[in-house]
Amino acid sequence: MKCALVTGGSRGIGRAVCYKLALMGYYVLVNYKSNETEALHTLSTIKENGGDGEIIRFDVAEKEDIRAVLGTWIETNTEKYIEVLVNNAGIKDDTLMMWMKDEQWDSVLKTSLDGFFYVTQMVLNGMLVKKYGRIINVVSLSGLKGLPGQVNYSAAKAGVIGATKALAQEIARRGVTVNAVAPGFIKTDMTEGLDEKELKSMIPIKRFGTAEEVAHAVGFLASPEASYITAEVLSVNGGLYS
């Protein structure tokens, strides 16, 4: 059975990506850290629309948790194969660098960078053996241009962009592609506190994007038709930055 693992899949962009991959025929592993209610809601909607999957709880910022939970799942589910990995989990903790606490730096980088490394390393061998796979990393406009107040978040996402390009070159000959999607201002929980009226005036399309629009981009990169695209960063930002 071909599976797709989406980290941070219980809400926002992650939830929309889960729905998209389920429609593409994948058995979806909905990863979550703490909000089981939302993860179950995502899963129930997938099933209501004819798809299938399961929830899987682990903290992407904790390598031992990843190895214990995801490693055990891979070992025990020998009839299932993770063909698509979407590293979506991420957190923000914004403040100016002069006031940034150690834990604000550590937690943001661990979630994005450590999460990418340890989750991807865990599923990569299966893809290499099958000589097929799709890895899509959800990064950010912040990782491309940097945003004030987000030194930690910008550094984390820029790091994942660099890792995307490097890993893509390592494994391209084995039929595994590695790409990133960089959303701009998207209507999710993470942007609820922003002044949408003011910010959308800066965006050529004059609106925030939707999680579904990001999920559509992820779905394209996850498809067989995207087999000659790797090491790329696809911006989904309404023309705000290129």
Protein backbone atom coordinates (compact mmCIF):
# COMPACT_ATOMS: atom_id res chain seq x y z
CA MET A 1 0.00 0.00 0.00
CA LYS A 2 1.40 3.38 -1.02
CA CYS A 3 1.36 5.89 1.83
CA ALA A 4 1.95 9.59 2.28
CA LEU A 5 3.24 10.97 5.58
CA VAL A 6 2.40 14.59 6.38
CA THR A 7 4.01 16.07 9.48
CA GLY A 8 1.89 18.66 11.26
CA GLY A 9 -1.10 17.31 9.36
CA SER A 10 -3.86 18.10 11.84
CA ARG A 11 -4.53 21.73 10.89
CA GLY A 12 -3.93 24.50 8.36
CA ILE A 13 -1.71 23.76 5.37
CA GLY A 14 -0.94 20.29 6.68
CA ARG A 15 -4.63 19.37 6.81
CA ALA A 16 -5.21 20.65 3.26
CA VAL A 17 -2.20 18.63 2.06
CA CYS A 18 -3.60 15.50 3.72
CA TYR A 19 -6.89 15.99 1.88
CA LYS A 20 -5.13 16.52 -1.44
CA LEU A 21 -2.94 13.43 -1.13
CA ALA A 22 -5.91 11.32 -0.08
CA LEU A 23 -7.73 12.42 -3.26
CA MET A 24 -4.63 11.31 -5.20
CA GLY A 25 -5.15 7.81 -3.81
CA TYR A 26 -2.65 7.73 -0.97
CA TYR A 27 -3.17 6.13 2.42
CA VAL A 28 -2.40 9.20 4.54
CA LEU A 29 -0.46 9.20 7.79
CA VAL A 30 -1.62 12.31 9.63
CA ASN A 31 1.15 13.28 12.04
CA TYR A 32 0.41 15.45 15.05
CA LYS A 33 2.17 16.47 18.24
CA SER A 34 -0.57 17.13 20.80
CA ASN A 35 -3.97 18.00 19.29
CA GLU A 36 -5.49 14.58 18.78
CA THR A 37 -8.97 16.03 18.30
CA GLU A 38 -7.92 18.00 15.24
CA ALA A 39 -5.92 15.08 13.86
CA LEU A 40 -8.95 12.80 14.17
CA HIS A 41 -11.07 15.46 12.46
CA THR A 42 -8.64 15.50 9.53
CA LEU A 43 -8.74 11.71 9.33
CA SER A 44 -12.54 11.50 9.55
CA THR A 45 -12.91 13.99 6.69
CA ILE A 46 -10.49 11.94 4.59
CA LYS A 47 -12.60 8.83 5.19
CA GLU A 48 -15.88 10.65 4.54
CA ASN A 49 -14.54 11.55 1.11
CA GLY A 50 -13.59 7.98 0.24
CA GLY A 51 -9.95 8.02 1.34
CA ASP A 52 -8.14 6.18 4.09
CA GLY A 53 -5.32 6.68 6.55
CA GLU A 54 -4.43 6.85 10.23
CA ILE A 55 -3.09 9.30 12.78
CA ILE A 56 0.45 8.99 14.11
CA ARG A 57 1.65 10.96 17.10
CA PHE A 58 5.25 12.09 17.48
CA ASP A 59 7.11 15.34 18.07
CA VAL A 60 9.28 16.23 15.08
CA ALA A 61 11.56 18.24 17.38
CA GLU A 62 12.52 15.10 19.33
CA LYS A 63 14.67 12.58 17.48
CA GLU A 64 14.09 9.80 19.98
CA ASP A 65 10.33 10.23 19.64
CA ILE A 66 10.63 10.05 15.84
CA ARG A 67 12.80 6.95 15.99
CA ALA A 68 10.57 5.20 18.51
CA VAL A 69 7.19 5.94 16.94
CA LEU A 70 7.88 6.30 13.22
CA GLY A 71 10.63 3.70 13.29
CA THR A 72 8.28 1.19 14.93
CA TRP A 73 5.52 1.98 12.44
CA ILE A 74 7.86 1.32 9.51
CA GLU A 75 9.11 -1.95 11.04
CA THR A 76 5.65 -3.30 11.82
CA ASN A 77 3.80 -2.15 8.68
CA THR A 78 5.82 -4.09 6.14
CA GLU A 79 2.91 -4.13 3.68
CA LYS A 80 2.84 -0.33 3.60
CA TYR A 81 5.40 1.92 1.93
CA ILE A 82 5.84 5.67 2.46
CA GLU A 83 6.11 6.94 -1.11
CA VAL A 84 5.47 10.63 -0.33
CA LEU A 85 6.83 12.61 2.61
CA VAL A 86 5.66 16.16 3.27
CA ASN A 87 7.74 17.86 5.96
CA ASN A 88 5.18 20.49 6.94
CA ALA A 89 5.48 20.80 10.72
CA GLY A 90 6.83 24.13 11.88
CA ILE A 91 6.37 26.75 14.57
CA LYS A 92 6.86 30.49 14.85
CA ASP A 93 8.00 32.39 17.93
CA ASP A 94 8.60 35.93 16.71
CA THR A 95 10.56 38.68 18.38
CA LEU A 96 13.47 40.95 17.54
CA MET A 97 16.82 39.20 17.82
CA MET A 98 18.03 41.49 20.62
CA TRP A 99 15.19 40.18 22.80
CA MET A 100 15.11 36.59 21.57
CA LYS A 101 15.50 33.97 24.27
CA ASP A 102 17.57 30.83 23.79
CA GLU A 103 14.49 28.64 23.89
CA GLN A 104 12.83 30.69 21.13
CA TRP A 105 15.80 30.06 18.87
CA ASP A 106 16.18 26.40 19.84
CA SER A 107 12.53 25.37 19.55
CA VAL A 108 11.96 26.94 16.13
CA LEU A 109 15.13 25.49 14.62
CA LYS A 110 14.60 22.05 16.16
CA THR A 111 11.06 21.80 14.81
CA SER A 112 11.95 22.72 11.22
CA LEU A 113 15.56 21.58 10.79
CA ASP A 114 15.80 18.62 13.16
CA GLY A 115 12.31 17.57 12.07
CA PHE A 116 13.35 17.58 8.43
CA PHE A 117 16.56 15.64 9.09
CA TYR A 118 15.33 12.89 11.38
CA VAL A 119 11.95 12.25 9.73
CA THR A 120 13.43 12.24 6.22
CA GLN A 121 16.31 9.99 7.24
CA MET A 122 13.83 7.54 8.72
CA VAL A 123 11.77 7.12 5.54
CA LEU A 124 14.47 7.66 2.92
CA ASN A 125 15.82 4.12 2.82
CA GLY A 126 12.46 2.71 1.77
CA MET A 127 12.27 5.17 -1.12
CA LEU A 128 15.80 4.35 -2.25
CA VAL A 129 15.06 0.63 -2.20
CA LYS A 130 11.91 1.16 -4.28
CA LYS A 131 13.76 3.63 -6.52
CA TYR A 132 10.85 6.03 -6.30
CA GLY A 133 9.78 8.71 -3.87
CA ARG A 134 8.67 12.27 -3.40
CA ILE A 135 9.90 14.52 -0.60
CA ILE A 136 8.30 17.95 -0.35
CA ASN A 137 9.37 20.43 2.32
CA VAL A 138 7.04 23.25 3.28
CA VAL A 139 9.29 26.25 3.85
CA SER A 140 8.36 29.94 3.74
CA LEU A 141 8.76 33.33 2.17
CA SER A 142 10.76 34.08 5.33
CA GLY A 143 13.37 31.52 4.32
CA LEU A 144 13.82 33.16 0.92
CA LYS A 145 13.97 36.85 1.78
CA GLY A 146 14.06 37.00 5.58
CA LEU A 147 11.52 38.93 7.61
CA PRO A 148 12.20 41.21 10.59
CA GLY A 149 11.21 39.67 13.89
CA GLN A 150 11.76 36.20 12.42
CA VAL A 151 15.51 35.65 12.61
CA ASN A 152 14.87 32.18 14.07
CA TYR A 153 12.10 31.23 11.63
CA SER A 154 13.95 32.65 8.62
CA ALA A 155 17.11 30.78 9.58
CA ALA A 156 15.20 27.54 10.07
CA LYS A 157 13.40 27.70 6.74
CA ALA A 158 16.48 28.88 4.84
CA GLY A 159 18.32 25.89 6.31
CA VAL A 160 15.66 23.52 5.01
CA ILE A 161 15.90 25.14 1.57
CA GLY A 162 19.64 24.47 1.50
CA ALA A 163 19.11 20.91 2.69
CA THR A 164 16.45 20.40 0.01
CA LYS A 165 18.87 21.36 -2.76
CA ALA A 166 21.69 19.21 -1.35
CA LEU A 167 19.64 16.07 -0.73
CA ALA A 168 18.01 16.34 -4.16
CA GLN A 169 21.43 16.02 -5.78
CA GLU A 170 22.38 13.05 -3.59
CA ILE A 171 19.41 10.87 -4.50
CA ALA A 172 18.14 12.04 -7.90
CA ARG A 173 19.58 9.03 -9.73
CA ARG A 174 17.50 6.72 -7.51
CA GLY A 175 14.23 8.18 -8.72
CA VAL A 176 13.55 10.22 -5.58
CA THR A 177 12.85 13.93 -5.98
CA VAL A 178 13.22 16.57 -3.26
CA ASN A 179 11.52 19.93 -3.61
CA ALA A 180 10.16 22.72 -1.43
CA VAL A 181 7.04 24.85 -1.45
CA ALA A 182 7.43 28.36 -0.02
CA PRO A 183 4.10 29.90 1.00
CA GLY A 184 3.70 33.63 1.49
CA PHE A 185 0.78 34.99 3.51
CA ILE A 186 -1.73 32.14 3.78
CA LYS A 187 -4.97 32.18 5.76
CA THR A 188 -4.17 29.78 8.63
CA ASP A 189 -3.86 29.83 12.42
CA MET A 190 -0.29 31.11 12.02
CA THR A 191 -1.44 34.31 10.29
CA GLU A 192 -4.51 35.05 12.41
CA GLY A 193 -2.79 37.84 14.33
CA LEU A 194 -1.59 39.68 11.22
CA ASP A 195 -3.19 42.81 9.79
CA GLU A 196 -4.53 41.28 6.59
CA LYS A 197 -6.01 44.55 5.29
CA GLU A 198 -2.63 46.29 5.46
CA LEU A 199 -0.50 43.38 4.27
CA LYS A 200 -2.60 42.45 1.25
CA SER A 201 -1.93 45.88 -0.23
CA MET A 202 1.69 44.72 -0.70
CA ILE A 203 0.64 41.57 -2.56
CA PRO A 204 0.13 41.93 -6.33
CA ILE A 205 -2.87 39.57 -6.23
CA LYS A 206 -4.27 41.69 -3.35
CA ARG A 207 -5.27 38.86 -1.04
CA PHE A 208 -3.92 36.18 1.25
CA GLY A 209 -3.61 32.69 -0.21
CA THR A 210 -5.49 29.61 0.95
CA ALA A 211 -4.17 26.38 2.39
CA GLU A 212 -5.79 24.57 -0.53
CA GLU A 213 -3.70 26.56 -3.02
CA VAL A 214 -0.52 25.47 -1.23
CA ALA A 215 -1.78 21.88 -1.13
CA HIS A 216 -2.35 21.94 -4.89
CA ALA A 217 1.32 22.88 -5.40
CA VAL A 218 2.40 20.08 -3.07
CA GLY A 219 0.17 17.66 -4.94
CA PHE A 220 1.79 18.57 -8.25
CA LEU A 221 5.30 18.01 -6.87
CA ALA A 222 4.14 14.71 -5.37
CA SER A 223 2.79 13.47 -8.71
CA PRO A 224 4.53 11.15 -11.20
CA GLU A 225 4.31 13.99 -13.74
CA ALA A 226 6.82 16.00 -11.69
CA SER A 227 9.54 13.37 -12.09
CA TYR A 228 11.97 15.75 -13.85
CA ILE A 229 11.63 18.48 -11.23
CA THR A 230 13.95 18.31 -8.23
CA ALA A 231 15.96 20.71 -6.02
CA GLU A 232 13.39 23.44 -6.71
CA VAL A 233 11.59 25.90 -4.45
CA LEU A 234 8.10 26.74 -5.68
CA SER A 235 6.83 30.03 -4.27
CA VAL A 236 3.11 30.34 -3.53
CA ASN A 237 2.88 34.01 -2.54
CA GLY A 238 0.66 35.89 -4.98
CA GLY A 239 3.63 37.60 -6.63
CA LEU A 240 4.92 39.16 -3.42
CA TYR A 241 8.47 37.92 -3.91
CA SER A 242 10.32 35.92 -6.53
